[in-house]
Protein backbone atom coordinates (compact mmCIF):
# COMPACT_ATOMS: atom_id res chain seq x y z
CA MET A 1 102.48 185.61 133.08
CA SER A 2 100.44 184.49 136.06
CA ASN A 3 101.49 182.15 138.83
CA VAL A 4 100.53 178.51 138.40
CA ILE A 5 97.91 177.12 140.76
CA THR A 6 97.84 173.34 140.92
CA LEU A 7 94.53 171.72 141.80
CA ASN A 8 95.75 168.21 140.96
CA GLU A 9 98.21 166.58 138.57
CA ASN A 10 95.82 167.08 135.64
CA ILE A 11 94.44 170.53 136.41
CA LYS A 12 96.71 173.55 136.58
CA PHE A 13 95.60 177.16 136.27
CA GLY A 14 97.95 179.76 134.85
CA GLY A 15 101.37 179.88 133.30
CA ASN A 16 101.25 178.39 129.84
CA ASN A 17 98.87 175.57 130.74
CA PRO A 18 95.77 174.82 128.64
CA PHE A 19 92.59 176.51 129.81
CA VAL A 20 90.50 174.78 132.45
CA LEU A 21 86.75 174.49 131.93
CA ILE A 22 84.59 175.31 134.97
CA ALA A 23 81.11 174.19 134.01
CA GLY A 24 77.79 172.89 135.24
CA PRO A 25 74.22 174.07 135.79
CA CYS A 26 73.58 177.41 137.42
CA MET A 27 71.63 175.79 140.24
CA LEU A 28 71.68 172.29 141.70
CA GLU A 29 68.10 171.74 140.60
CA SER A 30 67.84 167.99 141.24
CA GLU A 31 70.10 165.01 141.76
CA GLN A 32 69.12 163.52 138.42
CA LEU A 33 69.88 166.68 136.47
CA VAL A 34 73.17 167.24 138.28
CA MET A 35 74.44 163.70 137.79
CA GLU A 36 73.41 163.55 134.13
CA THR A 37 74.99 166.92 133.40
CA ALA A 38 78.25 166.08 135.18
CA GLU A 39 78.50 162.76 133.35
CA LYS A 40 77.90 164.30 129.92
CA ILE A 41 80.31 167.21 130.44
CA LYS A 42 82.97 164.77 131.60
CA GLU A 43 82.43 162.69 128.44
CA VAL A 44 82.87 165.78 126.26
CA THR A 45 85.91 167.15 128.10
CA THR A 46 87.60 163.74 128.20
CA LYS A 47 87.09 163.39 124.45
CA LEU A 48 88.50 166.88 123.84
CA ASN A 49 91.23 166.57 126.50
CA VAL A 50 90.04 169.65 128.39
CA PRO A 51 90.67 169.85 132.18
CA PHE A 52 87.27 170.12 133.89
CA VAL A 53 85.90 171.33 137.24
CA PHE A 54 82.19 170.79 137.93
CA LYS A 55 80.19 173.79 139.14
CA GLY A 56 76.74 174.05 140.70
CA SER A 57 75.20 176.49 143.16
CA PHE A 58 73.55 175.19 146.33
CA ASP A 59 71.97 178.60 146.98
CA LYS A 60 71.18 181.42 144.58
CA ALA A 61 71.01 184.09 147.26
CA ASN A 62 70.80 187.10 144.93
CA ARG A 63 67.84 186.21 142.73
CA SER A 64 65.86 189.09 141.21
CA SER A 65 62.62 188.06 142.93
CA ILE A 66 61.93 186.72 146.41
CA TYR A 67 59.68 184.12 144.75
CA SER A 68 62.46 182.66 142.59
CA HIS A 69 63.95 179.21 143.18
CA ARG A 70 67.13 179.30 145.27
CA GLY A 71 68.41 175.72 145.35
CA PRO A 72 68.71 172.89 147.89
CA GLY A 73 70.69 174.80 150.52
CA ILE A 74 74.21 174.25 151.79
CA GLU A 75 73.76 170.89 153.54
CA LYS A 76 71.97 169.03 150.75
CA GLY A 77 73.94 170.91 148.10
CA LEU A 78 77.30 169.89 149.49
CA GLU A 79 76.11 166.30 149.80
CA LEU A 80 75.20 166.33 146.12
CA LEU A 81 78.50 167.91 145.10
CA ALA A 82 80.35 165.30 147.17
CA LYS A 83 78.47 162.61 145.26
CA VAL A 84 79.52 164.17 141.93
CA LYS A 85 83.09 164.30 143.18
CA GLU A 86 83.13 160.64 144.22
CA THR A 87 81.10 159.19 141.34
CA PHE A 88 82.91 160.91 138.49
CA ASP A 89 86.30 161.64 140.11
CA LEU A 90 85.84 165.36 139.47
CA PRO A 91 86.87 168.44 141.44
CA VAL A 92 83.90 170.64 142.32
CA THR A 93 83.15 174.28 143.01
CA SER A 94 80.24 176.34 144.27
CA ASP A 95 79.64 179.86 145.52
CA ILE A 96 79.20 180.94 149.13
CA HIS A 97 77.47 184.05 150.41
CA GLU A 98 78.16 184.21 154.13
CA SER A 99 81.36 183.87 156.14
CA TYR A 100 80.20 180.89 158.20
CA GLN A 101 79.71 178.88 155.01
CA ALA A 102 83.42 178.93 154.12
CA GLU A 103 84.51 176.28 156.62
CA LEU A 104 81.60 173.97 155.74
CA ALA A 105 82.09 174.40 152.01
CA GLY A 106 85.84 173.90 152.31
CA GLN A 107 85.24 170.35 153.53
CA VAL A 108 83.86 169.42 150.08
CA LEU A 109 84.75 172.05 147.51
CA ASP A 110 88.07 172.19 145.69
CA ILE A 111 87.45 175.81 144.69
CA ILE A 112 85.41 178.30 146.71
CA GLN A 113 83.69 180.87 144.53
CA ILE A 114 82.87 184.40 145.67
CA PRO A 115 79.95 186.03 143.82
CA ALA A 116 80.56 189.30 141.99
CA PHE A 117 78.17 191.28 144.20
CA LEU A 118 80.16 190.17 147.27
CA CYS A 119 83.71 190.49 145.94
CA ARG A 120 84.63 193.29 148.36
CA GLN A 121 83.18 191.65 151.50
CA THR A 122 86.27 191.46 153.68
CA ASP A 123 84.98 188.92 156.21
CA LEU A 124 83.80 186.61 153.43
CA LEU A 125 87.16 186.82 151.65
CA VAL A 126 89.16 186.26 154.84
CA ALA A 127 87.06 183.26 155.86
CA SER A 128 87.47 181.76 152.38
CA GLY A 129 91.21 182.40 152.33
CA LYS A 130 91.65 180.67 155.68
CA THR A 131 90.30 177.40 154.26
CA ASN A 132 93.51 177.15 152.19
CA LYS A 133 91.38 176.15 149.23
CA ILE A 134 91.61 177.80 145.84
CA VAL A 135 89.41 180.92 145.95
CA ASN A 136 87.83 182.20 142.74
CA VAL A 137 86.55 185.77 143.05
CA LYS A 138 84.26 187.20 140.40
CA LYS A 139 84.97 190.84 139.62
CA GLY A 140 82.00 193.00 140.57
CA GLN A 141 80.02 194.45 137.68
CA PHE A 142 80.62 197.80 139.37
CA LEU A 143 84.43 197.59 139.65
CA ALA A 144 87.32 198.53 137.43
CA PRO A 145 89.71 195.61 136.89
CA TRP A 146 92.57 197.33 138.75
CA ASP A 147 90.33 197.61 141.82
CA MET A 148 90.60 193.82 142.18
CA LYS A 149 94.15 194.28 143.49
CA ASN A 150 92.65 195.08 146.90
CA VAL A 151 90.69 191.83 146.74
CA VAL A 152 93.86 189.89 145.99
CA THR A 153 95.62 191.56 148.92
CA LYS A 154 92.82 190.67 151.34
CA LEU A 155 93.16 187.01 150.41
CA GLN A 156 96.96 187.03 150.45
CA GLU A 157 96.92 188.47 153.96
CA THR A 158 95.38 185.18 155.12
CA GLY A 159 98.47 183.38 153.79
CA ASN A 160 96.56 181.99 150.83
CA ASP A 161 98.05 182.64 147.37
CA GLN A 162 95.70 180.26 145.54
CA ILE A 163 93.62 182.99 143.92
CA LEU A 164 91.65 183.12 140.68
CA LEU A 165 89.95 186.27 139.37
CA THR A 166 86.96 186.09 137.05
CA GLU A 167 85.73 188.62 134.49
CA ARG A 168 81.94 188.50 134.11
CA GLY A 169 81.07 191.78 132.41
CA THR A 170 80.69 195.37 133.55
CA THR A 171 77.48 197.34 134.06
CA PHE A 172 76.78 199.48 131.01
CA GLY A 173 73.72 201.62 131.63
CA TYR A 174 70.52 199.94 132.76
CA ASN A 175 70.01 196.15 132.41
CA ASN A 176 73.09 195.63 130.29
CA LEU A 177 76.65 194.35 130.56
CA VAL A 178 79.66 194.72 128.32
CA VAL A 179 82.96 192.84 128.39
CA ASP A 180 86.17 194.84 128.28
CA MET A 181 88.77 192.27 127.25
CA ARG A 182 91.50 194.55 128.60
CA SER A 183 90.37 193.63 132.12
CA LEU A 184 91.62 190.07 131.60
CA ILE A 185 95.08 191.39 130.87
CA THR A 186 95.00 193.88 133.76
CA MET A 187 93.98 191.26 136.30
CA ARG A 188 96.48 188.71 134.99
CA GLU A 189 99.24 191.27 135.51
CA MET A 190 98.51 190.97 139.25
CA GLY A 191 100.17 187.56 139.03
CA VAL A 192 96.97 185.54 139.36
CA PRO A 193 95.28 183.27 136.80
CA VAL A 194 92.18 184.76 135.17
CA VAL A 195 88.87 183.16 134.31
CA PHE A 196 86.40 184.34 131.70
CA ASP A 197 82.77 183.83 132.69
CA ALA A 198 81.23 183.36 129.27
CA THR A 199 77.63 182.93 130.33
CA HIS A 200 77.13 185.57 133.03
CA SER A 201 78.80 188.07 130.70
CA VAL A 202 75.79 187.84 128.37
CA GLN A 203 73.24 188.41 131.12
CA ILE A 204 70.68 191.19 131.00
CA PRO A 205 70.31 191.69 134.76
CA GLY A 206 66.67 192.10 135.74
CA GLY A 207 65.86 192.30 132.05
CA ASN A 208 62.73 190.17 132.36
CA GLY A 209 61.27 192.06 135.30
CA THR A 210 61.35 189.44 138.06
CA THR A 211 64.07 187.39 136.37
CA THR A 212 67.36 188.01 134.60
CA GLY A 213 67.45 187.88 130.82
CA GLY A 214 70.35 186.99 128.58
CA LYS A 215 71.68 186.43 125.07
CA ARG A 216 73.25 182.97 125.01
CA GLU A 217 73.91 183.23 121.27
CA PHE A 218 76.87 185.52 122.06
CA VAL A 219 78.60 183.02 124.38
CA PRO A 220 80.71 181.31 121.65
CA TYR A 221 81.92 184.62 120.24
CA LEU A 222 82.95 186.18 123.54
CA SER A 223 84.62 182.92 124.60
CA ARG A 224 86.74 182.87 121.45
CA ALA A 225 87.68 186.52 121.98
CA ALA A 226 88.74 185.82 125.57
CA ALA A 227 90.82 182.84 124.46
CA ALA A 228 92.52 185.07 121.89
CA VAL A 229 93.41 187.58 124.61
CA GLY A 230 94.84 184.77 126.71
CA ILE A 231 92.98 183.27 129.67
CA ASP A 232 93.58 180.46 132.12
CA SER A 233 90.04 179.21 132.46
CA ILE A 234 86.56 179.45 130.92
CA PHE A 235 83.53 179.46 133.21
CA MET A 236 80.40 178.29 131.42
CA GLU A 237 77.02 177.36 132.84
CA VAL A 238 75.55 174.39 130.98
CA HIS A 239 72.08 172.82 131.14
CA PRO A 240 70.27 170.05 129.23
CA ASP A 241 67.25 172.33 128.68
CA PRO A 242 68.13 175.98 129.33
CA ASP A 243 64.72 177.29 128.31
CA ASN A 244 63.19 175.44 131.24
CA ALA A 245 66.00 175.92 133.75
CA LEU A 246 65.12 177.26 137.19
CA SER A 247 67.87 179.89 137.10
CA ASP A 248 69.80 181.82 134.43
CA GLY A 249 68.29 179.86 131.54
CA PRO A 250 68.59 182.67 128.94
CA ASN A 251 72.39 182.70 129.16
CA MET A 252 73.22 179.03 129.72
CA VAL A 253 74.71 176.84 126.99
CA LYS A 254 72.67 173.82 125.95
CA LEU A 255 74.45 170.64 127.00
CA ASP A 256 74.15 169.08 123.54
CA ASN A 257 75.94 172.11 122.04
CA LEU A 258 78.89 172.15 124.44
CA GLU A 259 81.33 170.16 122.30
CA GLU A 260 80.91 172.41 119.28
CA VAL A 261 81.23 175.52 121.43
CA LEU A 262 84.48 174.28 122.96
CA LYS A 263 86.29 173.17 119.79
CA PRO A 264 87.21 176.65 118.44
CA ILE A 265 88.17 177.82 121.93
CA ILE A 266 90.59 174.91 122.23
CA GLU A 267 92.22 175.75 118.89
CA ILE A 268 92.60 179.44 119.74
CA ASP A 269 94.02 178.59 123.17
CA ARG A 270 96.60 176.28 121.57
CA LEU A 271 97.57 178.91 119.04
CA VAL A 272 97.95 181.71 121.57
CA LYS A 273 99.96 179.56 124.00
CA GLN A 274 101.80 177.71 121.21
CA LEU A 275 100.83 174.39 122.73
């Protein structure tokens, strides 16, 4: 069983606690979209009694094409996330890409997220660990789950034990990912809570040429499977209109469908943890 990481009195990762939902749009596209999405997800999670952390990226620094939208940038992005935090009394998370961003992001974020492509970047991990915030590291698509032990050690060497590890699929040939559910167990045996990234796991990286494709119809099934294995959190990107989203639309869950997607996951989580 993993260690318990306490974000606040209502949100605890690990142990035998109910799963935490980390959700929001892939990119902070606009203030209106962000605020509407945060409000609706909070309504759903409050109704279902699911702990919730809002997620939105201020910079998509690893887009397939140089012409793709990237987001509002760190200054405006953090301002918007701070507004979400204050308006809806929600913890927030976003990803950082460079070491200098850790200190700035740590002033607003409750959880600092490290992208999968950057999960081995020592300076980025050390800077994030030194903020003493919870650090959520996504396992690289190119790594075996046991390789994440070195990532955990890098963070622990900063004196920070508030570590989450996220499974988001493994490269399987060209433009395809598969999810090995065993990796959730392997990473949890390192003593850290594990997160299942349900939406990035159904990506088809670069599958549309200059953009990433995806198969969002598989999100509910993989989420249920992960809950059956036993996870501490579900990461799910959600958007009011995924087909017209500026980033990752093919794999995002439609906001109106979120409640029905979550209900079976909740039941499986309760059964597995005997809650």
